[in-house]
Every structure is written in structure tokens, then in C-alpha cells.
C-alpha atoms as a PDB file:
ATOM      1  CA  MET A   1      68.043 -30.684 -27.165  1.00  0.00           C
ATOM      2  CA  ALA A   2      66.572 -33.259 -29.531  1.00  0.00           C
ATOM      3  CA  GLU A   3      66.338 -32.310 -33.196  1.00  0.00           C
ATOM      4  CA  ILE A   4      64.432 -33.690 -36.168  1.00  0.00           C
ATOM      5  CA  VAL A   5      67.081 -33.993 -38.875  1.00  0.00           C
ATOM      6  CA  ALA A   6      65.080 -35.774 -41.585  1.00  0.00           C
ATOM      7  CA  GLY A   7      61.551 -36.486 -42.733  1.00  0.00           C
ATOM      8  CA  ILE A   8      60.870 -39.293 -45.189  1.00  0.00           C
ATOM      9  CA  GLY A   9      57.702 -40.544 -46.827  1.00  0.00           C
ATOM     10  CA  ILE A  10      58.032 -43.977 -48.392  1.00  0.00           C
ATOM     11  CA  SER A  11      55.866 -46.873 -49.538  1.00  0.00           C
ATOM     12  CA  HIS A  12      56.060 -50.164 -47.645  1.00  0.00           C
ATOM     13  CA  VAL A  13      54.860 -52.713 -50.217  1.00  0.00           C
ATOM     14  CA  PRO A  14      57.023 -55.859 -49.722  1.00  0.00           C
ATOM     15  CA  ALA A  15      57.973 -55.967 -53.417  1.00  0.00           C
ATOM     16  CA  LEU A  16      59.795 -52.669 -52.962  1.00  0.00           C
ATOM     17  CA  GLY A  17      62.774 -54.322 -51.250  1.00  0.00           C
ATOM     18  CA  PRO A  18      63.618 -56.664 -54.181  1.00  0.00           C
ATOM     19  CA  ALA A  19      62.939 -53.830 -56.651  1.00  0.00           C
ATOM     20  CA  VAL A  20      65.446 -51.570 -54.899  1.00  0.00           C
ATOM     21  CA  GLU A  21      68.020 -54.372 -54.848  1.00  0.00           C
ATOM     22  CA  ALA A  22      67.501 -54.914 -58.585  1.00  0.00           C
ATOM     23  CA  ALA A  23      67.919 -51.204 -59.239  1.00  0.00           C
ATOM     24  CA  ALA A  24      71.135 -51.148 -57.204  1.00  0.00           C
ATOM     25  CA  ARG A  25      72.465 -54.041 -59.296  1.00  0.00           C
ATOM     26  CA  GLY A  26      71.476 -52.251 -62.499  1.00  0.00           C
ATOM     27  CA  THR A  27      68.966 -54.906 -63.576  1.00  0.00           C
ATOM     28  CA  ASP A  28      66.021 -52.537 -63.021  1.00  0.00           C
ATOM     29  CA  THR A  29      66.658 -49.429 -65.100  1.00  0.00           C
ATOM     30  CA  ASN A  30      63.418 -47.587 -64.310  1.00  0.00           C
ATOM     31  CA  PRO A  31      64.627 -44.014 -63.658  1.00  0.00           C
ATOM     32  CA  GLY A  32      62.027 -43.634 -60.901  1.00  0.00           C
ATOM     33  CA  MET A  33      63.968 -46.168 -58.811  1.00  0.00           C
ATOM     34  CA  LYS A  34      66.987 -43.882 -58.519  1.00  0.00           C
ATOM     35  CA  ALA A  35      65.614 -42.027 -55.493  1.00  0.00           C
ATOM     36  CA  PHE A  36      64.859 -45.326 -53.724  1.00  0.00           C
ATOM     37  CA  THR A  37      68.464 -46.449 -54.117  1.00  0.00           C
ATOM     38  CA  GLU A  38      69.801 -43.072 -52.922  1.00  0.00           C
ATOM     39  CA  VAL A  39      67.537 -42.372 -49.938  1.00  0.00           C
ATOM     40  CA  GLY A  40      69.466 -44.669 -47.575  1.00  0.00           C
ATOM     41  CA  GLU A  41      72.764 -42.958 -48.326  1.00  0.00           C
ATOM     42  CA  TRP A  42      71.089 -39.567 -47.922  1.00  0.00           C
ATOM     43  CA  LEU A  43      69.675 -40.579 -44.552  1.00  0.00           C
ATOM     44  CA  ALA A  44      73.047 -41.896 -43.411  1.00  0.00           C
ATOM     45  CA  ASP A  45      74.522 -38.475 -44.161  1.00  0.00           C
ATOM     46  CA  THR A  46      72.011 -36.885 -41.767  1.00  0.00           C
ATOM     47  CA  ARG A  47      73.314 -39.174 -38.953  1.00  0.00           C
ATOM     48  CA  PRO A  48      70.070 -39.946 -37.086  1.00  0.00           C
ATOM     49  CA  ASP A  49      70.210 -41.646 -33.711  1.00  0.00           C
ATOM     50  CA  VAL A  50      66.520 -42.590 -33.660  1.00  0.00           C
ATOM     51  CA  VAL A  51      63.925 -43.332 -36.332  1.00  0.00           C
ATOM     52  CA  VAL A  52      60.243 -42.755 -35.531  1.00  0.00           C
ATOM     53  CA  MET A  53      58.505 -45.117 -37.971  1.00  0.00           C
ATOM     54  CA  VAL A  54      54.840 -44.389 -38.709  1.00  0.00           C
ATOM     55  CA  TYR A  55      53.295 -47.523 -40.205  1.00  0.00           C
ATOM     56  CA  ASN A  56      50.210 -49.710 -40.075  1.00  0.00           C
ATOM     57  CA  ASP A  57      49.994 -53.211 -38.709  1.00  0.00           C
ATOM     58  CA  HIS A  58      48.636 -55.835 -41.145  1.00  0.00           C
ATOM     59  CA  GLY A  59      47.249 -58.259 -38.576  1.00  0.00           C
ATOM     60  CA  ALA A  60      50.587 -59.245 -37.060  1.00  0.00           C
ATOM     61  CA  SER A  61      50.186 -57.640 -33.623  1.00  0.00           C
ATOM     62  CA  PHE A  62      46.612 -56.350 -33.805  1.00  0.00           C
ATOM     63  CA  SER A  63      43.464 -58.023 -35.109  1.00  0.00           C
ATOM     64  CA  PHE A  64      40.105 -56.738 -36.296  1.00  0.00           C
ATOM     65  CA  ASP A  65      38.903 -57.458 -32.750  1.00  0.00           C
ATOM     66  CA  LEU A  66      41.340 -54.931 -31.305  1.00  0.00           C
ATOM     67  CA  VAL A  67      42.616 -52.095 -33.501  1.00  0.00           C
ATOM     68  CA  PRO A  68      43.897 -49.014 -31.653  1.00  0.00           C
ATOM     69  CA  THR A  69      43.693 -45.764 -33.575  1.00  0.00           C
ATOM     70  CA  PHE A  70      47.255 -44.797 -32.640  1.00  0.00           C
ATOM     71  CA  ALA A  71      49.658 -47.153 -30.859  1.00  0.00           C
ATOM     72  CA  ILE A  72      53.240 -46.272 -29.917  1.00  0.00           C
ATOM     73  CA  GLY A  73      55.995 -48.633 -28.905  1.00  0.00           C
ATOM     74  CA  ALA A  74      57.732 -47.989 -25.582  1.00  0.00           C
ATOM     75  CA  ALA A  75      59.946 -51.061 -25.394  1.00  0.00           C
ATOM     76  CA  GLU A  76      63.648 -51.813 -25.241  1.00  0.00           C
ATOM     77  CA  PHE A  77      63.442 -53.854 -28.463  1.00  0.00           C
ATOM     78  CA  TYR A  78      60.986 -54.970 -31.160  1.00  0.00           C
ATOM     79  CA  ARG A  79      60.940 -58.306 -32.957  1.00  0.00           C
ATOM     80  CA  PRO A  80      60.174 -58.800 -36.654  1.00  0.00           C
ATOM     81  CA  ALA A  81      56.713 -60.355 -36.885  1.00  0.00           C
ATOM     82  CA  ASP A  82      55.776 -63.780 -38.200  1.00  0.00           C
ATOM     83  CA  GLU A  83      53.399 -62.982 -41.076  1.00  0.00           C
ATOM     84  CA  GLY A  84      52.576 -66.610 -41.816  1.00  0.00           C
ATOM     85  CA  PHE A  85      55.948 -67.822 -43.062  1.00  0.00           C
ATOM     86  CA  GLY A  86      57.873 -67.917 -39.791  1.00  0.00           C
ATOM     87  CA  ARG A  87      59.721 -65.081 -38.156  1.00  0.00           C
ATOM     88  CA  PRO A  88      62.040 -63.550 -40.785  1.00  0.00           C
ATOM     89  CA  PRO A  89      65.809 -63.596 -40.240  1.00  0.00           C
ATOM     90  CA  ILE A  90      66.013 -59.917 -39.362  1.00  0.00           C
ATOM     91  CA  ALA A  91      67.859 -58.534 -36.373  1.00  0.00           C
ATOM     92  CA  GLU A  92      65.703 -57.256 -33.517  1.00  0.00           C
ATOM     93  CA  TYR A  93      65.176 -53.508 -33.620  1.00  0.00           C
ATOM     94  CA  PRO A  94      66.555 -51.648 -30.573  1.00  0.00           C
ATOM     95  CA  GLY A  95      64.035 -49.310 -28.976  1.00  0.00           C
ATOM     96  CA  ALA A  96      64.434 -45.744 -27.741  1.00  0.00           C
ATOM     97  CA  ALA A  97      62.201 -46.263 -24.711  1.00  0.00           C
ATOM     98  CA  ASP A  98      63.110 -43.047 -22.872  1.00  0.00           C
ATOM     99  CA  LEU A  99      62.206 -40.892 -25.875  1.00  0.00           C
ATOM    100  CA  SER A 100      59.056 -42.976 -26.432  1.00  0.00           C
ATOM    101  CA  TRP A 101      57.827 -42.278 -22.905  1.00  0.00           C
ATOM    102  CA  HIS A 102      58.632 -38.591 -23.278  1.00  0.00           C
ATOM    103  CA  ILE A 103      56.560 -38.450 -26.485  1.00  0.00           C
ATOM    104  CA  VAL A 104      53.715 -40.310 -24.755  1.00  0.00           C
ATOM    105  CA  ASP A 105      53.674 -37.925 -21.799  1.00  0.00           C
ATOM    106  CA  GLN A 106      53.764 -34.818 -23.973  1.00  0.00           C
ATOM    107  CA  VAL A 107      51.342 -35.968 -26.653  1.00  0.00           C
ATOM    108  CA  VAL A 108      48.716 -37.241 -24.213  1.00  0.00           C
ATOM    109  CA  ASN A 109      48.867 -33.891 -22.427  1.00  0.00           C
ATOM    110  CA  ASP A 110      48.420 -32.332 -25.871  1.00  0.00           C
ATOM    111  CA  GLY A 111      45.081 -34.106 -26.318  1.00  0.00           C
ATOM    112  CA  PHE A 112      46.024 -37.334 -28.144  1.00  0.00           C
ATOM    113  CA  ASP A 113      45.215 -40.638 -26.461  1.00  0.00           C
ATOM    114  CA  LEU A 114      47.846 -43.186 -27.504  1.00  0.00           C
ATOM    115  CA  THR A 115      47.854 -46.914 -26.865  1.00  0.00           C
ATOM    116  CA  VAL A 116      51.244 -47.680 -25.299  1.00  0.00           C
ATOM    117  CA  CYS A 117      52.861 -51.001 -26.258  1.00  0.00           C
ATOM    118  CA  GLN A 118      55.668 -52.302 -24.051  1.00  0.00           C
ATOM    119  CA  SER A 119      55.845 -55.394 -26.259  1.00  0.00           C
ATOM    120  CA  LEU A 120      55.278 -55.214 -30.008  1.00  0.00           C
ATOM    121  CA  ASP A 121      56.151 -57.274 -33.079  1.00  0.00           C
ATOM    122  CA  VAL A 122      56.499 -55.230 -36.273  1.00  0.00           C
ATOM    123  CA  ASP A 123      55.542 -56.465 -39.735  1.00  0.00           C
ATOM    124  CA  HIS A 124      56.461 -55.517 -43.315  1.00  0.00           C
ATOM    125  CA  GLY A 125      54.871 -52.085 -42.925  1.00  0.00           C
ATOM    126  CA  PHE A 126      57.816 -51.354 -40.638  1.00  0.00           C
ATOM    127  CA  SER A 127      60.516 -53.702 -41.923  1.00  0.00           C
ATOM    128  CA  THR A 128      60.311 -52.873 -45.654  1.00  0.00           C
ATOM    129  CA  PRO A 129      61.199 -49.172 -45.178  1.00  0.00           C
ATOM    130  CA  MET A 130      63.923 -50.139 -42.703  1.00  0.00           C
ATOM    131  CA  LYS A 131      65.436 -52.470 -45.314  1.00  0.00           C
ATOM    132  CA  VAL A 132      65.317 -49.808 -48.029  1.00  0.00           C
ATOM    133  CA  LEU A 133      66.877 -47.235 -45.712  1.00  0.00           C
ATOM    134  CA  PHE A 134      69.485 -49.393 -43.941  1.00  0.00           C
ATOM    135  CA  GLY A 135      69.821 -52.706 -45.776  1.00  0.00           C
ATOM    136  CA  ALA A 136      69.913 -55.842 -43.624  1.00  0.00           C
ATOM    137  CA  PRO A 137      72.646 -55.256 -41.040  1.00  0.00           C
ATOM    138  CA  ALA A 138      73.530 -57.642 -38.242  1.00  0.00           C
ATOM    139  CA  ASN A 139      73.038 -54.703 -35.876  1.00  0.00           C
ATOM    140  CA  TRP A 140      70.836 -51.733 -36.685  1.00  0.00           C
ATOM    141  CA  PRO A 141      72.668 -48.367 -36.684  1.00  0.00           C
ATOM    142  CA  VAL A 142      69.697 -46.539 -35.114  1.00  0.00           C
ATOM    143  CA  LYS A 143      67.156 -47.009 -32.362  1.00  0.00           C
ATOM    144  CA  VAL A 144      63.500 -47.046 -33.338  1.00  0.00           C
ATOM    145  CA  ILE A 145      60.082 -45.935 -32.134  1.00  0.00           C
ATOM    146  CA  PRO A 146      57.181 -47.658 -33.916  1.00  0.00           C
ATOM    147  CA  LEU A 147      53.942 -45.694 -34.261  1.00  0.00           C
ATOM    148  CA  ALA A 148      51.116 -47.851 -35.611  1.00  0.00           C
ATOM    149  CA  VAL A 149      48.087 -46.159 -37.180  1.00  0.00           C
ATOM    150  CA  ASN A 150      44.715 -47.724 -37.897  1.00  0.00           C
ATOM    151  CA  VAL A 151      44.128 -47.404 -41.628  1.00  0.00           C
ATOM    152  CA  VAL A 152      42.494 -50.827 -42.002  1.00  0.00           C
ATOM    153  CA  GLN A 153      39.184 -50.744 -40.117  1.00  0.00           C
ATOM    154  CA  GLN A 154      36.585 -48.007 -39.868  1.00  0.00           C
ATOM    155  CA  PRO A 155      36.522 -45.553 -38.284  1.00  0.00           C
ATOM    156  CA  THR A 156      40.033 -44.511 -39.274  1.00  0.00           C
ATOM    157  CA  PRO A 157      41.641 -41.210 -38.263  1.00  0.00           C
ATOM    158  CA  THR A 158      41.298 -38.310 -40.656  1.00  0.00           C
ATOM    159  CA  ALA A 159      44.173 -36.771 -42.543  1.00  0.00           C
ATOM    160  CA  ARG A 160      43.787 -33.643 -40.417  1.00  0.00           C
ATOM    161  CA  ARG A 161      43.961 -35.660 -37.192  1.00  0.00           C
ATOM    162  CA  CYS A 162      47.135 -37.357 -38.432  1.00  0.00           C
ATOM    163  CA  TYR A 163      48.702 -34.040 -39.397  1.00  0.00           C
ATOM    164  CA  ASP A 164      47.825 -32.561 -36.003  1.00  0.00           C
ATOM    165  CA  LEU A 165      49.298 -35.602 -34.236  1.00  0.00           C
ATOM    166  CA  GLY A 166      52.496 -35.128 -36.204  1.00  0.00           C
ATOM    167  CA  GLN A 167      52.694 -31.529 -35.030  1.00  0.00           C
ATOM    168  CA  ALA A 168      52.248 -32.683 -31.426  1.00  0.00           C
ATOM    169  CA  ILE A 169      55.020 -35.267 -31.898  1.00  0.00           C
ATOM    170  CA  GLY A 170      57.260 -32.584 -33.363  1.00  0.00           C
ATOM    171  CA  ARG A 171      56.718 -30.395 -30.302  1.00  0.00           C
ATOM    172  CA  ALA A 172      57.369 -33.358 -28.012  1.00  0.00           C
ATOM    173  CA  ILE A 173      60.648 -34.224 -29.710  1.00  0.00           C
ATOM    174  CA  ALA A 174      61.756 -30.578 -29.611  1.00  0.00           C
ATOM    175  CA  SER A 175      61.182 -30.549 -25.822  1.00  0.00           C
ATOM    176  CA  TYR A 176      63.267 -33.673 -25.149  1.00  0.00           C
ATOM    177  CA  PRO A 177      66.284 -32.520 -23.146  1.00  0.00           C
ATOM    178  CA  ASP A 178      68.917 -34.906 -24.509  1.00  0.00           C
ATOM    179  CA  ASP A 179      70.906 -34.297 -27.688  1.00  0.00           C
ATOM    180  CA  VAL A 180      69.247 -36.821 -30.003  1.00  0.00           C
ATOM    181  CA  ARG A 181      69.037 -36.652 -33.779  1.00  0.00           C
ATOM    182  CA  VAL A 182      65.662 -37.958 -34.949  1.00  0.00           C
ATOM    183  CA  ALA A 183      64.370 -39.014 -38.362  1.00  0.00           C
ATOM    184  CA  VAL A 184      60.605 -39.345 -38.813  1.00  0.00           C
ATOM    185  CA  VAL A 185      59.399 -41.755 -41.502  1.00  0.00           C
ATOM    186  CA  GLY A 186      55.803 -41.960 -42.741  1.00  0.00           C
ATOM    187  CA  THR A 187      55.021 -45.123 -44.674  1.00  0.00           C
ATOM    188  CA  GLY A 188      52.321 -46.644 -46.866  1.00  0.00           C
ATOM    189  CA  GLY A 189      50.726 -45.989 -50.240  1.00  0.00           C
ATOM    190  CA  MET A 190      50.892 -44.737 -52.845  1.00  0.00           C
ATOM    191  CA  SER A 191      47.657 -45.364 -54.761  1.00  0.00           C
ATOM    192  CA  HIS A 192      46.498 -48.968 -54.805  1.00  0.00           C
ATOM    193  CA  GLN A 193      43.481 -51.138 -54.137  1.00  0.00           C
ATOM    194  CA  LEU A 194      43.710 -54.868 -53.569  1.00  0.00           C
ATOM    195  CA  GLN A 195      40.054 -55.925 -53.698  1.00  0.00           C
ATOM    196  CA  GLY A 196      36.589 -55.144 -55.025  1.00  0.00           C
ATOM    197  CA  GLU A 197      35.495 -53.726 -58.353  1.00  0.00           C
ATOM    198  CA  ARG A 198      38.385 -51.226 -58.343  1.00  0.00           C
ATOM    199  CA  ALA A 199      41.094 -53.799 -57.613  1.00  0.00           C
ATOM    200  CA  GLY A 200      44.266 -52.654 -59.350  1.00  0.00           C
ATOM    201  CA  HIS A 201      43.324 -48.953 -59.136  1.00  0.00           C
ATOM    202  CA  ILE A 202      46.354 -46.680 -59.544  1.00  0.00           C
ATOM    203  CA  ASN A 203      46.181 -42.888 -59.923  1.00  0.00           C
ATOM    204  CA  PRO A 204      49.571 -41.476 -61.043  1.00  0.00           C
ATOM    205  CA  ASP A 205      48.245 -37.914 -61.341  1.00  0.00           C
ATOM    206  CA  PHE A 206      47.145 -37.836 -57.705  1.00  0.00           C
ATOM    207  CA  ASP A 207      50.297 -39.620 -56.537  1.00  0.00           C
ATOM    208  CA  ARG A 208      52.509 -37.009 -58.183  1.00  0.00           C
ATOM    209  CA  GLN A 209      50.334 -34.218 -56.762  1.00  0.00           C
ATOM    210  CA  PHE A 210      50.708 -35.779 -53.321  1.00  0.00           C
ATOM    211  CA  LEU A 211      54.501 -36.012 -53.651  1.00  0.00           C
ATOM    212  CA  ARG A 212      54.628 -32.328 -54.531  1.00  0.00           C
ATOM    213  CA  GLU A 213      52.151 -31.094 -51.926  1.00  0.00           C
ATOM    214  CA  ILE A 214      53.521 -33.149 -49.019  1.00  0.00           C
ATOM    215  CA  VAL A 215      56.499 -30.791 -49.315  1.00  0.00           C
ATOM    216  CA  GLU A 216      54.878 -27.557 -50.479  1.00  0.00           C
ATOM    217  CA  ASP A 217      51.268 -27.605 -49.277  1.00  0.00           C
ATOM    218  CA  PRO A 218      50.579 -30.298 -46.646  1.00  0.00           C
ATOM    219  CA  GLY A 219      47.620 -28.303 -45.364  1.00  0.00           C
ATOM    220  CA  ASN A 220      45.741 -29.047 -48.577  1.00  0.00           C
ATOM    221  CA  LEU A 221      46.407 -32.773 -48.208  1.00  0.00           C
ATOM    222  CA  ALA A 222      45.280 -32.595 -44.585  1.00  0.00           C
ATOM    223  CA  SER A 223      41.989 -31.043 -45.706  1.00  0.00           C
ATOM    224  CA  LEU A 224      40.980 -34.063 -47.800  1.00  0.00           C
ATOM    225  CA  SER A 225      38.415 -36.375 -46.245  1.00  0.00           C
ATOM    226  CA  ASN A 226      38.872 -40.121 -45.864  1.00  0.00           C
ATOM    227  CA  PRO A 227      36.315 -40.844 -48.645  1.00  0.00           C
ATOM    228  CA  GLU A 228      38.269 -38.470 -50.914  1.00  0.00           C
ATOM    229  CA  TYR A 229      41.495 -40.377 -50.216  1.00  0.00           C
ATOM    230  CA  ILE A 230      39.794 -43.681 -50.983  1.00  0.00           C
ATOM    231  CA  HIS A 231      38.279 -42.260 -54.188  1.00  0.00           C
ATOM    232  CA  LEU A 232      41.571 -40.774 -55.362  1.00  0.00           C
ATOM    233  CA  ALA A 233      44.100 -43.322 -54.137  1.00  0.00           C
ATOM    234  CA  GLY A 234      42.117 -46.513 -53.543  1.00  0.00           C
ATOM    235  CA  SER A 235      41.177 -48.262 -50.326  1.00  0.00           C
ATOM    236  CA  GLU A 236      44.783 -49.155 -49.478  1.00  0.00           C
ATOM    237  CA  GLY A 237      46.122 -45.901 -50.908  1.00  0.00           C
ATOM    238  CA  ALA A 238      44.359 -44.241 -47.976  1.00  0.00           C
ATOM    239  CA  GLU A 239      47.494 -45.262 -46.043  1.00  0.00           C
ATOM    240  CA  LEU A 240      48.933 -41.964 -47.297  1.00  0.00           C
ATOM    241  CA  VAL A 241      47.512 -40.182 -44.250  1.00  0.00           C
ATOM    242  CA  MET A 242      50.465 -41.670 -42.353  1.00  0.00           C
ATOM    243  CA  TRP A 243      52.831 -39.507 -44.383  1.00  0.00           C
ATOM    244  CA  LEU A 244      51.032 -36.512 -42.876  1.00  0.00           C
ATOM    245  CA  ILE A 245      52.118 -37.510 -39.370  1.00  0.00           C
ATOM    246  CA  MET A 246      55.708 -37.314 -40.600  1.00  0.00           C
ATOM    247  CA  ARG A 247      55.079 -33.996 -42.336  1.00  0.00           C
ATOM    248  CA  GLY A 248      53.322 -32.532 -39.306  1.00  0.00           C
ATOM    249  CA  ALA A 249      56.386 -33.258 -37.184  1.00  0.00           C
ATOM    250  CA  MET A 250      58.519 -31.166 -39.541  1.00  0.00           C
ATOM    251  CA  ASP A 251      58.651 -27.386 -39.698  1.00  0.00           C
ATOM    252  CA  GLU A 252      56.262 -25.527 -41.977  1.00  0.00           C
ATOM    253  CA  ASP A 253      59.104 -24.675 -44.360  1.00  0.00           C
ATOM    254  CA  VAL A 254      61.210 -27.596 -45.544  1.00  0.00           C
ATOM    255  CA  LYS A 255      63.711 -28.340 -48.294  1.00  0.00           C
ATOM    256  CA  GLN A 256      63.172 -31.380 -50.497  1.00  0.00           C
ATOM    257  CA  ALA A 257      66.265 -33.531 -50.902  1.00  0.00           C
ATOM    258  CA  LEU A 258      64.928 -36.174 -53.297  1.00  0.00           C
ATOM    259  CA  SER A 259      61.738 -37.634 -54.692  1.00  0.00           C
ATOM    260  CA  GLY A 260      60.897 -40.700 -56.753  1.00  0.00           C
ATOM    261  CA  TYR A 261      57.892 -42.544 -58.128  1.00  0.00           C
ATOM    262  CA  VAL A 262      57.424 -45.907 -59.820  1.00  0.00           C
ATOM    263  CA  VAL A 263      54.320 -47.687 -61.051  1.00  0.00           C
ATOM    264  CA  PRO A 264      53.659 -50.453 -60.594  1.00  0.00           C
ATOM    265  CA  VAL A 265      55.556 -52.268 -57.876  1.00  0.00           C
ATOM    266  CA  ALA A 266      53.454 -55.430 -57.702  1.00  0.00           C
ATOM    267  CA  ASN A 267      49.958 -53.873 -57.939  1.00  0.00           C
ATOM    268  CA  THR A 268      50.981 -50.771 -56.033  1.00  0.00           C
ATOM    269  CA  ALA A 269      52.327 -47.395 -57.045  1.00  0.00           C
ATOM    270  CA  ALA A 270      55.374 -46.617 -54.899  1.00  0.00           C
ATOM    271  CA  GLY A 271      56.797 -43.262 -53.937  1.00  0.00           C
ATOM    272  CA  VAL A 272      59.540 -41.770 -51.813  1.00  0.00           C
ATOM    273  CA  VAL A 273      60.289 -38.220 -50.719  1.00  0.00           C
ATOM    274  CA  ALA A 274      62.950 -36.925 -48.316  1.00  0.00           C
ATOM    275  CA  MET A 275      63.136 -33.500 -46.747  1.00  0.00           C
ATOM    276  CA  GLN A 276      64.849 -31.437 -44.067  1.00  0.00           C
ATOM    277  CA  ASN A 277      63.798 -28.420 -42.042  1.00  0.00           C
ATOM    278  CA  LEU A 278      65.096 -25.126 -43.380  1.00  0.00           C
ATOM    279  CA  ALA A 279      65.902 -23.712 -39.950  1.00  0.00           C
END
């Protein structure tokens, strides 16, 4: 049977990749970067076969004219998106199409209507965490399932809806008959706002609370409304609801393996947390 062997929440700001490289070289001595440099090795030790990556598209594959609430990839491969500077020199990501279709079938029957993408380019919301976790290999060591979430145009899904979707995905993975080791990664955040009167908003107190409660009390985070997330974490910090899809897929009781927080990375607070099921 399939098994979720790791859950990771991680920011996807593009500046995070160079910051992690600098920390690995020893030129960035911020102690908060230590967890970012260690999370890839930790994940490798869990030996996942598939990574379910929960991220948001930034206009690469979807536009404001067509923004699905939840869209899942069900393709044999995914290309890195051209975000205005040409397609980056990143290897195509191999898909886990059979598991994707199983998740679709189970989750739709569970009451969640997913947009199914049999062709999908993935942008930095997807590629930045992959680089932090796996570097830039010629061939990726895992297959992937992208799950894009609308956190850019109202109405966006609530934290509770995201948490409930994660639980449905967890049940779907557990019912997959093949022996597959799955890591679920929720991306985005932490607190930041890129425009308006509150441009530059960062809330370290809330970010650290979120890092603690995503492990210990995700139900409280799921109870916060979208306006509360925007007030606390900024308009773009509201991306944190995607971490709740990851957490919902995990068991109620988990063990934290590592956690880290840095502020700022560019104009964004960045966090990482890794956990495993206790059972």
C-alpha cells in the first residue's frame, strides 16, 4: 500500500534558492538557514518515490481569466515554465500519472471538484522548493504530482477547505494499492505583501506561531478566515493555506524533524518545517 513518509512546509520565494546555496557555502551565516540546508538531506533519508507539490501558479499556466480553485496534474511529465525570461534550464519533471488519477477519482468522490491538467507547465512556486529539496539534477530522483491552488484571485479557498482537501488526499493515497512512498510538500509564504499601503509587511510573531501550530494544532490554523490570514500575514502571506493541505494529508499526531525561519529573504519571510507520522 502507498504510504506518506514525509510532510514538508516550505516557502517558494525565488530568492530562497540562492540564499540556501550561500548558506551551504558558508557565506550566509544566518542560523535560521540551517534547516533549509538540511531539509533535502532529511528528505533523501525518507526515500520518497513521489512528491505531491502543493503550490500556486503565478500566471505561467493560468491567467486571471481562468483560475481554477484546485488543479491537479495528471501527466507523464511537466515542463518548467517560461516566466518572461525564457524556459529555465531545468530538467523536465517526471509525472506519477497513475497515482494522480487515483487521487482524482477518490477525491472527487469525496466531494472535491478538481480541475485535471494533462498538460501543465510549472513555475517558481513549484521549482524553487524542488531546487531546495533536490538541487538541480540532470534527472530528478522522484516523480511528481503538482497541485495548484488559487490564492491569487478572489474568491480563494478557505484554510478549512484546504485542510479538508488535504485529509481527502491523505485517504486517497492510503487507498492506493501499490507500494509507493509519498512526500507531500505545501509551499508559499511566510508573511509578506508586495503591494499597497502595507507593502513590505512581515509578521515574525505570527510566522513563528504558524510554524509551531502547523505541527501541534493545525485545527486552529484551519479555523482562521481568509481576511484574518491577510491581516496577519499579508496579501501574499495568505499562501500559507497551502501548507494546510500538506498537514491535512498527514496523521493527526506527527513528529517534527526540523524547523527554520529567516527574515527577510528579499521582501519575504521564509520558513520550513518537516514532519513524519508517528504511526
